[in-house]
């Protein structure tokens, strides 16, 4: 491979990893453009969506190179995002040898991940604290914690099967709402709304919502609007899961 191939590959895959870690499109585009210009490439053209990046740039000799990469669904990882930001600054300041770029990128994305039990424990702690903030008593905290564990384990095989977030949200909220209706029916809990509100925040796409607003405000209206519509659709599926559970079981319970 020539140096230009290493540079274009690195820039495109760097943008891919940024989006995958939770960055917004504007940030990914600006970073890819900065990397290309660091190596004296010009006429940089970037077309990116949340699922695809197309990058083209021209060398000083007038030769145009194009790369296209697909982007998997975002998996928010702030530690990886921080390391990628540091790597981008280092590359733009030092312009290291192009052959070393892919190794540097690989090192940046190889961040340690938390174990399953720590990950699940963090979800349980966060969601039960929210339930308490919304006014839940100890019975509702217990039920919310158990439902959070259930939702966590339901989500794992669904994500491994690469199912859409729509299916994941509907399945989890249907299961969660069904349990909440049952515990209310047997008079173990009384405030179903605090439990539903808390567990729904486990599936609300908060970071994509912020990113969509930033894209709209920063001039990437098309990408921002598409991302916002996706956020709205995923949020509506949370409501749909609760509605299906209510349609099936809600008539048996007292609100």
C-alpha atoms as a PDB file:
ATOM      1  CA  UNK A   1       0.000   0.000   0.000  1.00  0.00           C
ATOM      2  CA  UNK A   2       1.078   3.550  -0.700  1.00  0.00           C
ATOM      3  CA  UNK A   3       1.086   6.284   1.925  1.00  0.00           C
ATOM      4  CA  UNK A   4      -2.107   7.824   0.538  1.00  0.00           C
ATOM      5  CA  UNK A   5      -3.914   4.498   0.963  1.00  0.00           C
ATOM      6  CA  UNK A   6      -2.860   4.267   4.610  1.00  0.00           C
ATOM      7  CA  UNK A   7      -4.018   7.844   5.238  1.00  0.00           C
ATOM      8  CA  UNK A   8      -7.415   7.484   3.556  1.00  0.00           C
ATOM      9  CA  UNK A   9      -8.061   4.138   5.252  1.00  0.00           C
ATOM     10  CA  UNK A  10      -7.113   5.574   8.615  1.00  0.00           C
ATOM     11  CA  UNK A  11      -9.285   8.675   8.242  1.00  0.00           C
ATOM     12  CA  UNK A  12     -12.371   6.715   7.132  1.00  0.00           C
ATOM     13  CA  UNK A  13     -12.043   4.077   9.844  1.00  0.00           C
ATOM     14  CA  UNK A  14     -11.311   6.755  12.425  1.00  0.00           C
ATOM     15  CA  UNK A  15     -14.614   8.439  11.585  1.00  0.00           C
ATOM     16  CA  UNK A  16     -16.313   5.049  11.803  1.00  0.00           C
ATOM     17  CA  UNK A  17     -14.947   4.429  15.292  1.00  0.00           C
ATOM     18  CA  UNK A  18     -15.950   7.927  16.420  1.00  0.00           C
ATOM     19  CA  UNK A  19     -19.560   7.396  15.357  1.00  0.00           C
ATOM     20  CA  UNK A  20     -19.585   3.897  16.835  1.00  0.00           C
ATOM     21  CA  UNK A  21     -18.373   5.273  20.192  1.00  0.00           C
ATOM     22  CA  UNK A  22     -21.119   7.913  20.288  1.00  0.00           C
ATOM     23  CA  UNK A  23     -19.715  11.024  18.583  1.00  0.00           C
ATOM     24  CA  UNK A  24     -22.004  13.160  16.444  1.00  0.00           C
ATOM     25  CA  UNK A  25     -21.616  13.410  12.680  1.00  0.00           C
ATOM     26  CA  UNK A  26     -20.269  16.952  12.696  1.00  0.00           C
ATOM     27  CA  UNK A  27     -17.412  15.990  14.995  1.00  0.00           C
ATOM     28  CA  UNK A  28     -16.574  12.894  12.948  1.00  0.00           C
ATOM     29  CA  UNK A  29     -16.585  14.863   9.696  1.00  0.00           C
ATOM     30  CA  UNK A  30     -14.396  17.640  11.086  1.00  0.00           C
ATOM     31  CA  UNK A  31     -11.894  15.133  12.483  1.00  0.00           C
ATOM     32  CA  UNK A  32     -11.611  13.226   9.209  1.00  0.00           C
ATOM     33  CA  UNK A  33     -11.099  16.487   7.316  1.00  0.00           C
ATOM     34  CA  UNK A  34      -8.403  17.634   9.759  1.00  0.00           C
ATOM     35  CA  UNK A  35      -6.538  14.330   9.394  1.00  0.00           C
ATOM     36  CA  UNK A  36      -6.591  14.538   5.591  1.00  0.00           C
ATOM     37  CA  UNK A  37      -5.378  18.140   5.557  1.00  0.00           C
ATOM     38  CA  UNK A  38      -2.595  17.284   8.006  1.00  0.00           C
ATOM     39  CA  UNK A  39      -1.129  15.078   5.270  1.00  0.00           C
ATOM     40  CA  UNK A  40      -1.579  17.787   2.602  1.00  0.00           C
ATOM     41  CA  UNK A  41      -4.627  16.228   0.963  1.00  0.00           C
ATOM     42  CA  UNK A  42      -7.086  18.705  -0.531  1.00  0.00           C
ATOM     43  CA  UNK A  43     -10.597  18.829  -1.993  1.00  0.00           C
ATOM     44  CA  UNK A  44     -11.701  16.623   0.888  1.00  0.00           C
ATOM     45  CA  UNK A  45     -15.302  15.527   0.420  1.00  0.00           C
ATOM     46  CA  UNK A  46     -17.215  13.646   3.118  1.00  0.00           C
ATOM     47  CA  UNK A  47     -20.713  12.221   2.949  1.00  0.00           C
ATOM     48  CA  UNK A  48     -21.703  10.534   6.177  1.00  0.00           C
ATOM     49  CA  UNK A  49     -24.807   9.108   7.744  1.00  0.00           C
ATOM     50  CA  UNK A  50     -25.194   7.254  11.005  1.00  0.00           C
ATOM     51  CA  UNK A  51     -24.745   3.998   9.045  1.00  0.00           C
ATOM     52  CA  UNK A  52     -22.268   4.888   6.294  1.00  0.00           C
ATOM     53  CA  UNK A  53     -19.236   7.097   5.559  1.00  0.00           C
ATOM     54  CA  UNK A  54     -17.930   8.024   2.112  1.00  0.00           C
ATOM     55  CA  UNK A  55     -14.625   9.921   2.077  1.00  0.00           C
ATOM     56  CA  UNK A  56     -12.730  11.240  -0.935  1.00  0.00           C
ATOM     57  CA  UNK A  57      -9.576  13.375  -1.130  1.00  0.00           C
ATOM     58  CA  UNK A  58      -7.085  14.488  -3.750  1.00  0.00           C
ATOM     59  CA  UNK A  59      -3.306  14.337  -3.548  1.00  0.00           C
ATOM     60  CA  UNK A  60      -0.908  17.079  -4.643  1.00  0.00           C
ATOM     61  CA  UNK A  61      -0.478  15.151  -7.919  1.00  0.00           C
ATOM     62  CA  UNK A  62      -4.209  15.431  -8.621  1.00  0.00           C
ATOM     63  CA  UNK A  63      -4.960  11.777  -7.891  1.00  0.00           C
ATOM     64  CA  UNK A  64      -8.312  11.187  -6.188  1.00  0.00           C
ATOM     65  CA  UNK A  65      -8.838   8.404  -3.661  1.00  0.00           C
ATOM     66  CA  UNK A  66     -12.178   7.272  -2.240  1.00  0.00           C
ATOM     67  CA  UNK A  67     -13.076   5.079   0.723  1.00  0.00           C
ATOM     68  CA  UNK A  68     -16.491   3.897   1.861  1.00  0.00           C
ATOM     69  CA  UNK A  69     -17.102   2.170   5.192  1.00  0.00           C
ATOM     70  CA  UNK A  70     -20.232   1.040   6.992  1.00  0.00           C
ATOM     71  CA  UNK A  71     -20.941   2.079  10.560  1.00  0.00           C
ATOM     72  CA  UNK A  72     -22.544  -0.365  13.011  1.00  0.00           C
ATOM     73  CA  UNK A  73     -25.198   0.821  15.419  1.00  0.00           C
ATOM     74  CA  UNK A  74     -23.754   3.114  18.094  1.00  0.00           C
ATOM     75  CA  UNK A  75     -22.455   1.587  21.321  1.00  0.00           C
ATOM     76  CA  UNK A  76     -21.816   4.569  23.572  1.00  0.00           C
ATOM     77  CA  UNK A  77     -18.318   4.282  25.062  1.00  0.00           C
ATOM     78  CA  UNK A  78     -17.007   7.518  26.574  1.00  0.00           C
ATOM     79  CA  UNK A  79     -13.582   6.093  27.462  1.00  0.00           C
ATOM     80  CA  UNK A  80     -13.005   5.042  23.855  1.00  0.00           C
ATOM     81  CA  UNK A  81     -14.262   8.429  22.669  1.00  0.00           C
ATOM     82  CA  UNK A  82     -11.741  10.193  24.906  1.00  0.00           C
ATOM     83  CA  UNK A  83      -8.844   8.071  23.632  1.00  0.00           C
ATOM     84  CA  UNK A  84      -9.894   8.679  20.023  1.00  0.00           C
ATOM     85  CA  UNK A  85      -9.989  12.426  20.633  1.00  0.00           C
ATOM     86  CA  UNK A  86      -6.470  12.342  22.048  1.00  0.00           C
ATOM     87  CA  UNK A  87      -5.276  10.288  19.095  1.00  0.00           C
ATOM     88  CA  UNK A  88      -6.806  12.753  16.628  1.00  0.00           C
ATOM     89  CA  UNK A  89      -4.990  15.642  18.288  1.00  0.00           C
ATOM     90  CA  UNK A  90      -1.730  13.706  18.288  1.00  0.00           C
ATOM     91  CA  UNK A  91      -2.007  12.798  14.603  1.00  0.00           C
ATOM     92  CA  UNK A  92      -2.880  16.347  13.577  1.00  0.00           C
ATOM     93  CA  UNK A  93       0.006  17.805  15.607  1.00  0.00           C
ATOM     94  CA  UNK A  94       2.741  15.284  14.794  1.00  0.00           C
ATOM     95  CA  UNK A  95       1.693  13.751  11.437  1.00  0.00           C
ATOM     96  CA  UNK A  96       3.233  10.325  12.206  1.00  0.00           C
ATOM     97  CA  UNK A  97       4.366   7.956   9.484  1.00  0.00           C
ATOM     98  CA  UNK A  98       1.247   6.740   7.568  1.00  0.00           C
ATOM     99  CA  UNK A  99       2.154   3.069   8.007  1.00  0.00           C
ATOM    100  CA  UNK A 100       1.856   3.466  11.773  1.00  0.00           C
ATOM    101  CA  UNK A 101      -1.635   4.997  11.710  1.00  0.00           C
ATOM    102  CA  UNK A 102      -3.658   1.765  11.723  1.00  0.00           C
ATOM    103  CA  UNK A 103      -1.681   0.395  14.672  1.00  0.00           C
ATOM    104  CA  UNK A 104      -2.292   3.644  16.561  1.00  0.00           C
ATOM    105  CA  UNK A 105      -6.010   3.410  15.857  1.00  0.00           C
ATOM    106  CA  UNK A 106      -6.129  -0.222  16.963  1.00  0.00           C
ATOM    107  CA  UNK A 107      -4.411   0.711  20.220  1.00  0.00           C
ATOM    108  CA  UNK A 108      -6.898   3.529  20.833  1.00  0.00           C
ATOM    109  CA  UNK A 109      -9.998   1.367  20.403  1.00  0.00           C
ATOM    110  CA  UNK A 110      -8.674  -1.518  22.488  1.00  0.00           C
ATOM    111  CA  UNK A 111      -9.955  -0.172  25.786  1.00  0.00           C
ATOM    112  CA  UNK A 112     -10.753  -2.454  28.714  1.00  0.00           C
ATOM    113  CA  UNK A 113     -14.421  -3.255  29.127  1.00  0.00           C
ATOM    114  CA  UNK A 114     -16.223  -3.755  32.399  1.00  0.00           C
ATOM    115  CA  UNK A 115     -17.385  -7.221  33.316  1.00  0.00           C
ATOM    116  CA  UNK A 116     -20.974  -8.323  32.910  1.00  0.00           C
ATOM    117  CA  UNK A 117     -21.785  -8.138  36.602  1.00  0.00           C
ATOM    118  CA  UNK A 118     -20.281  -4.669  37.019  1.00  0.00           C
ATOM    119  CA  UNK A 119     -22.155  -3.456  33.946  1.00  0.00           C
ATOM    120  CA  UNK A 120     -25.432  -4.910  35.175  1.00  0.00           C
ATOM    121  CA  UNK A 121     -24.849  -3.604  38.706  1.00  0.00           C
ATOM    122  CA  UNK A 122     -24.364  -0.081  37.365  1.00  0.00           C
ATOM    123  CA  UNK A 123     -27.703  -0.296  35.534  1.00  0.00           C
ATOM    124  CA  UNK A 124     -29.463  -1.606  38.650  1.00  0.00           C
ATOM    125  CA  UNK A 125     -28.011   1.141  40.840  1.00  0.00           C
ATOM    126  CA  UNK A 126     -28.874   3.893  38.366  1.00  0.00           C
ATOM    127  CA  UNK A 127     -32.435   2.763  37.655  1.00  0.00           C
ATOM    128  CA  UNK A 128     -33.336   2.070  41.291  1.00  0.00           C
ATOM    129  CA  UNK A 129     -31.980   5.484  42.299  1.00  0.00           C
ATOM    130  CA  UNK A 130     -34.190   7.068  39.658  1.00  0.00           C
ATOM    131  CA  UNK A 131     -37.164   5.098  40.965  1.00  0.00           C
ATOM    132  CA  UNK A 132     -36.458   6.455  44.440  1.00  0.00           C
ATOM    133  CA  UNK A 133     -36.182   9.999  43.093  1.00  0.00           C
ATOM    134  CA  UNK A 134     -39.580   9.562  41.432  1.00  0.00           C
ATOM    135  CA  UNK A 135     -41.081   8.580  44.796  1.00  0.00           C
ATOM    136  CA  UNK A 136     -40.852   4.790  44.905  1.00  0.00           C
ATOM    137  CA  UNK A 137     -40.931   2.945  48.257  1.00  0.00           C
ATOM    138  CA  UNK A 138     -38.784  -0.054  49.147  1.00  0.00           C
ATOM    139  CA  UNK A 139     -41.141  -2.548  47.478  1.00  0.00           C
ATOM    140  CA  UNK A 140     -41.044  -0.594  44.237  1.00  0.00           C
ATOM    141  CA  UNK A 141     -37.256  -0.316  44.462  1.00  0.00           C
ATOM    142  CA  UNK A 142     -36.977  -4.108  44.813  1.00  0.00           C
ATOM    143  CA  UNK A 143     -39.274  -4.751  41.857  1.00  0.00           C
ATOM    144  CA  UNK A 144     -37.505  -2.134  39.734  1.00  0.00           C
ATOM    145  CA  UNK A 145     -34.114  -3.682  40.511  1.00  0.00           C
ATOM    146  CA  UNK A 146     -35.346  -7.172  39.565  1.00  0.00           C
ATOM    147  CA  UNK A 147     -36.927  -5.887  36.349  1.00  0.00           C
ATOM    148  CA  UNK A 148     -33.702  -4.057  35.465  1.00  0.00           C
ATOM    149  CA  UNK A 149     -31.792  -7.339  35.794  1.00  0.00           C
ATOM    150  CA  UNK A 150     -34.425  -9.053  33.659  1.00  0.00           C
ATOM    151  CA  UNK A 151     -34.248  -6.353  30.984  1.00  0.00           C
ATOM    152  CA  UNK A 152     -30.449  -6.506  30.951  1.00  0.00           C
ATOM    153  CA  UNK A 153     -30.418 -10.243  30.276  1.00  0.00           C
ATOM    154  CA  UNK A 154     -33.233 -10.002  27.709  1.00  0.00           C
ATOM    155  CA  UNK A 155     -31.291  -7.328  25.801  1.00  0.00           C
ATOM    156  CA  UNK A 156     -28.036  -9.293  25.549  1.00  0.00           C
ATOM    157  CA  UNK A 157     -29.199 -12.051  23.145  1.00  0.00           C
ATOM    158  CA  UNK A 158     -31.294  -9.559  21.172  1.00  0.00           C
ATOM    159  CA  UNK A 159     -28.240  -7.352  20.604  1.00  0.00           C
ATOM    160  CA  UNK A 160     -26.091 -10.342  19.682  1.00  0.00           C
ATOM    161  CA  UNK A 161     -28.719 -11.228  17.067  1.00  0.00           C
ATOM    162  CA  UNK A 162     -28.286  -7.685  15.652  1.00  0.00           C
ATOM    163  CA  UNK A 163     -31.970  -6.918  16.073  1.00  0.00           C
ATOM    164  CA  UNK A 164     -33.139  -3.342  15.657  1.00  0.00           C
ATOM    165  CA  UNK A 165     -33.545  -1.179  18.746  1.00  0.00           C
ATOM    166  CA  UNK A 166     -37.252  -1.053  17.947  1.00  0.00           C
ATOM    167  CA  UNK A 167     -37.614  -4.773  18.683  1.00  0.00           C
ATOM    168  CA  UNK A 168     -35.398  -4.534  21.765  1.00  0.00           C
ATOM    169  CA  UNK A 169     -37.394  -1.620  23.218  1.00  0.00           C
ATOM    170  CA  UNK A 170     -40.798  -3.171  22.574  1.00  0.00           C
ATOM    171  CA  UNK A 171     -39.759  -6.537  24.034  1.00  0.00           C
ATOM    172  CA  UNK A 172     -38.185  -5.077  27.160  1.00  0.00           C
ATOM    173  CA  UNK A 173     -40.926  -2.567  27.926  1.00  0.00           C
ATOM    174  CA  UNK A 174     -43.635  -5.172  27.368  1.00  0.00           C
ATOM    175  CA  UNK A 175     -41.928  -7.548  29.802  1.00  0.00           C
ATOM    176  CA  UNK A 176     -41.226  -4.791  32.338  1.00  0.00           C
ATOM    177  CA  UNK A 177     -44.755  -3.347  32.237  1.00  0.00           C
ATOM    178  CA  UNK A 178     -46.270  -6.829  32.570  1.00  0.00           C
ATOM    179  CA  UNK A 179     -44.272  -7.451  35.761  1.00  0.00           C
ATOM    180  CA  UNK A 180     -45.224  -4.038  37.142  1.00  0.00           C
ATOM    181  CA  UNK A 181     -48.917  -4.659  36.447  1.00  0.00           C
ATOM    182  CA  UNK A 182     -48.678  -8.038  38.196  1.00  0.00           C
ATOM    183  CA  UNK A 183     -46.976  -6.666  41.324  1.00  0.00           C
ATOM    184  CA  UNK A 184     -49.600  -3.931  41.506  1.00  0.00           C
ATOM    185  CA  UNK A 185     -52.384  -6.479  41.138  1.00  0.00           C
ATOM    186  CA  UNK A 186     -51.101  -8.534  44.092  1.00  0.00           C
ATOM    187  CA  UNK A 187     -50.778  -5.260  46.091  1.00  0.00           C
ATOM    188  CA  UNK A 188     -47.020  -5.585  46.534  1.00  0.00           C
ATOM    189  CA  UNK A 189     -46.491  -2.221  44.849  1.00  0.00           C
ATOM    190  CA  UNK A 190     -48.768   0.785  44.494  1.00  0.00           C
ATOM    191  CA  UNK A 191     -47.038   3.442  42.349  1.00  0.00           C
ATOM    192  CA  UNK A 192     -46.624   1.872  38.945  1.00  0.00           C
ATOM    193  CA  UNK A 193     -45.751   5.168  37.251  1.00  0.00           C
ATOM    194  CA  UNK A 194     -42.516   5.689  39.168  1.00  0.00           C
ATOM    195  CA  UNK A 195     -41.353   2.202  38.152  1.00  0.00           C
ATOM    196  CA  UNK A 196     -42.343   2.631  34.503  1.00  0.00           C
ATOM    197  CA  UNK A 197     -40.700   6.037  34.292  1.00  0.00           C
ATOM    198  CA  UNK A 198     -37.464   4.776  35.826  1.00  0.00           C
ATOM    199  CA  UNK A 199     -37.146   1.652  33.663  1.00  0.00           C
ATOM    200  CA  UNK A 200     -38.007   3.570  30.473  1.00  0.00           C
ATOM    201  CA  UNK A 201     -34.924   5.752  30.987  1.00  0.00           C
ATOM    202  CA  UNK A 202     -32.826   2.612  30.516  1.00  0.00           C
ATOM    203  CA  UNK A 203     -33.889   2.617  26.844  1.00  0.00           C
ATOM    204  CA  UNK A 204     -34.288   6.329  26.053  1.00  0.00           C
ATOM    205  CA  UNK A 205     -31.632   7.207  23.394  1.00  0.00           C
ATOM    206  CA  UNK A 206     -30.274  10.237  25.259  1.00  0.00           C
ATOM    207  CA  UNK A 207     -26.877  10.635  23.548  1.00  0.00           C
ATOM    208  CA  UNK A 208     -28.323  10.255  20.007  1.00  0.00           C
ATOM    209  CA  UNK A 209     -30.915  12.905  20.918  1.00  0.00           C
ATOM    210  CA  UNK A 210     -28.207  15.367  21.947  1.00  0.00           C
ATOM    211  CA  UNK A 211     -26.201  14.534  18.820  1.00  0.00           C
ATOM    212  CA  UNK A 212     -29.210  15.078  16.560  1.00  0.00           C
ATOM    213  CA  UNK A 213     -29.854  18.510  18.070  1.00  0.00           C
ATOM    214  CA  UNK A 214     -26.196  19.442  17.681  1.00  0.00           C
ATOM    215  CA  UNK A 215     -26.199  18.361  14.042  1.00  0.00           C
ATOM    216  CA  UNK A 216     -29.269  20.483  13.339  1.00  0.00           C
ATOM    217  CA  UNK A 217     -27.857  23.550  15.093  1.00  0.00           C
ATOM    218  CA  UNK A 218     -24.424  23.182  13.452  1.00  0.00           C
ATOM    219  CA  UNK A 219     -25.691  23.060   9.881  1.00  0.00           C
ATOM    220  CA  UNK A 220     -26.050  19.310   9.259  1.00  0.00           C
ATOM    221  CA  UNK A 221     -29.829  19.592   9.048  1.00  0.00           C
ATOM    222  CA  UNK A 222     -30.446  16.474   6.956  1.00  0.00           C
ATOM    223  CA  UNK A 223     -28.395  14.195   9.189  1.00  0.00           C
ATOM    224  CA  UNK A 224     -29.768  15.846  12.328  1.00  0.00           C
ATOM    225  CA  UNK A 225     -33.382  15.470  11.234  1.00  0.00           C
ATOM    226  CA  UNK A 226     -32.877  11.819  10.274  1.00  0.00           C
ATOM    227  CA  UNK A 227     -31.214  11.104  13.622  1.00  0.00           C
ATOM    228  CA  UNK A 228     -33.979  12.963  15.477  1.00  0.00           C
ATOM    229  CA  UNK A 229     -36.687  10.982  13.680  1.00  0.00           C
ATOM    230  CA  UNK A 230     -34.876   7.775  14.633  1.00  0.00           C
ATOM    231  CA  UNK A 231     -34.790   8.918  18.279  1.00  0.00           C
ATOM    232  CA  UNK A 232     -38.517   9.731  18.174  1.00  0.00           C
ATOM    233  CA  UNK A 233     -39.307   6.341  16.650  1.00  0.00           C
ATOM    234  CA  UNK A 234     -37.276   4.476  19.272  1.00  0.00           C
ATOM    235  CA  UNK A 235     -38.970   6.475  22.033  1.00  0.00           C
ATOM    236  CA  UNK A 236     -42.416   5.678  20.641  1.00  0.00           C
ATOM    237  CA  UNK A 237     -41.556   1.971  20.702  1.00  0.00           C
ATOM    238  CA  UNK A 238     -41.041   2.287  24.458  1.00  0.00           C
ATOM    239  CA  UNK A 239     -44.603   3.573  24.720  1.00  0.00           C
ATOM    240  CA  UNK A 240     -45.804   0.831  22.380  1.00  0.00           C
ATOM    241  CA  UNK A 241     -44.354  -1.891  24.597  1.00  0.00           C
ATOM    242  CA  UNK A 242     -46.196  -0.455  27.608  1.00  0.00           C
ATOM    243  CA  UNK A 243     -49.398  -0.101  25.596  1.00  0.00           C
ATOM    244  CA  UNK A 244     -49.345  -3.750  24.502  1.00  0.00           C
ATOM    245  CA  UNK A 245     -48.861  -4.875  28.094  1.00  0.00           C
ATOM    246  CA  UNK A 246     -51.699  -2.612  29.233  1.00  0.00           C
ATOM    247  CA  UNK A 247     -53.984  -3.855  26.470  1.00  0.00           C
ATOM    248  CA  UNK A 248     -53.375  -7.452  27.557  1.00  0.00           C
ATOM    249  CA  UNK A 249     -53.138  -7.140  31.338  1.00  0.00           C
ATOM    250  CA  UNK A 250     -53.939  -3.598  32.387  1.00  0.00           C
ATOM    251  CA  UNK A 251     -57.659  -4.128  32.856  1.00  0.00           C
ATOM    252  CA  UNK A 252     -56.918  -6.485  35.752  1.00  0.00           C
ATOM    253  CA  UNK A 253     -54.972  -3.928  37.774  1.00  0.00           C
ATOM    254  CA  UNK A 254     -55.807  -0.799  39.721  1.00  0.00           C
ATOM    255  CA  UNK A 255     -53.788   2.336  38.990  1.00  0.00           C
END
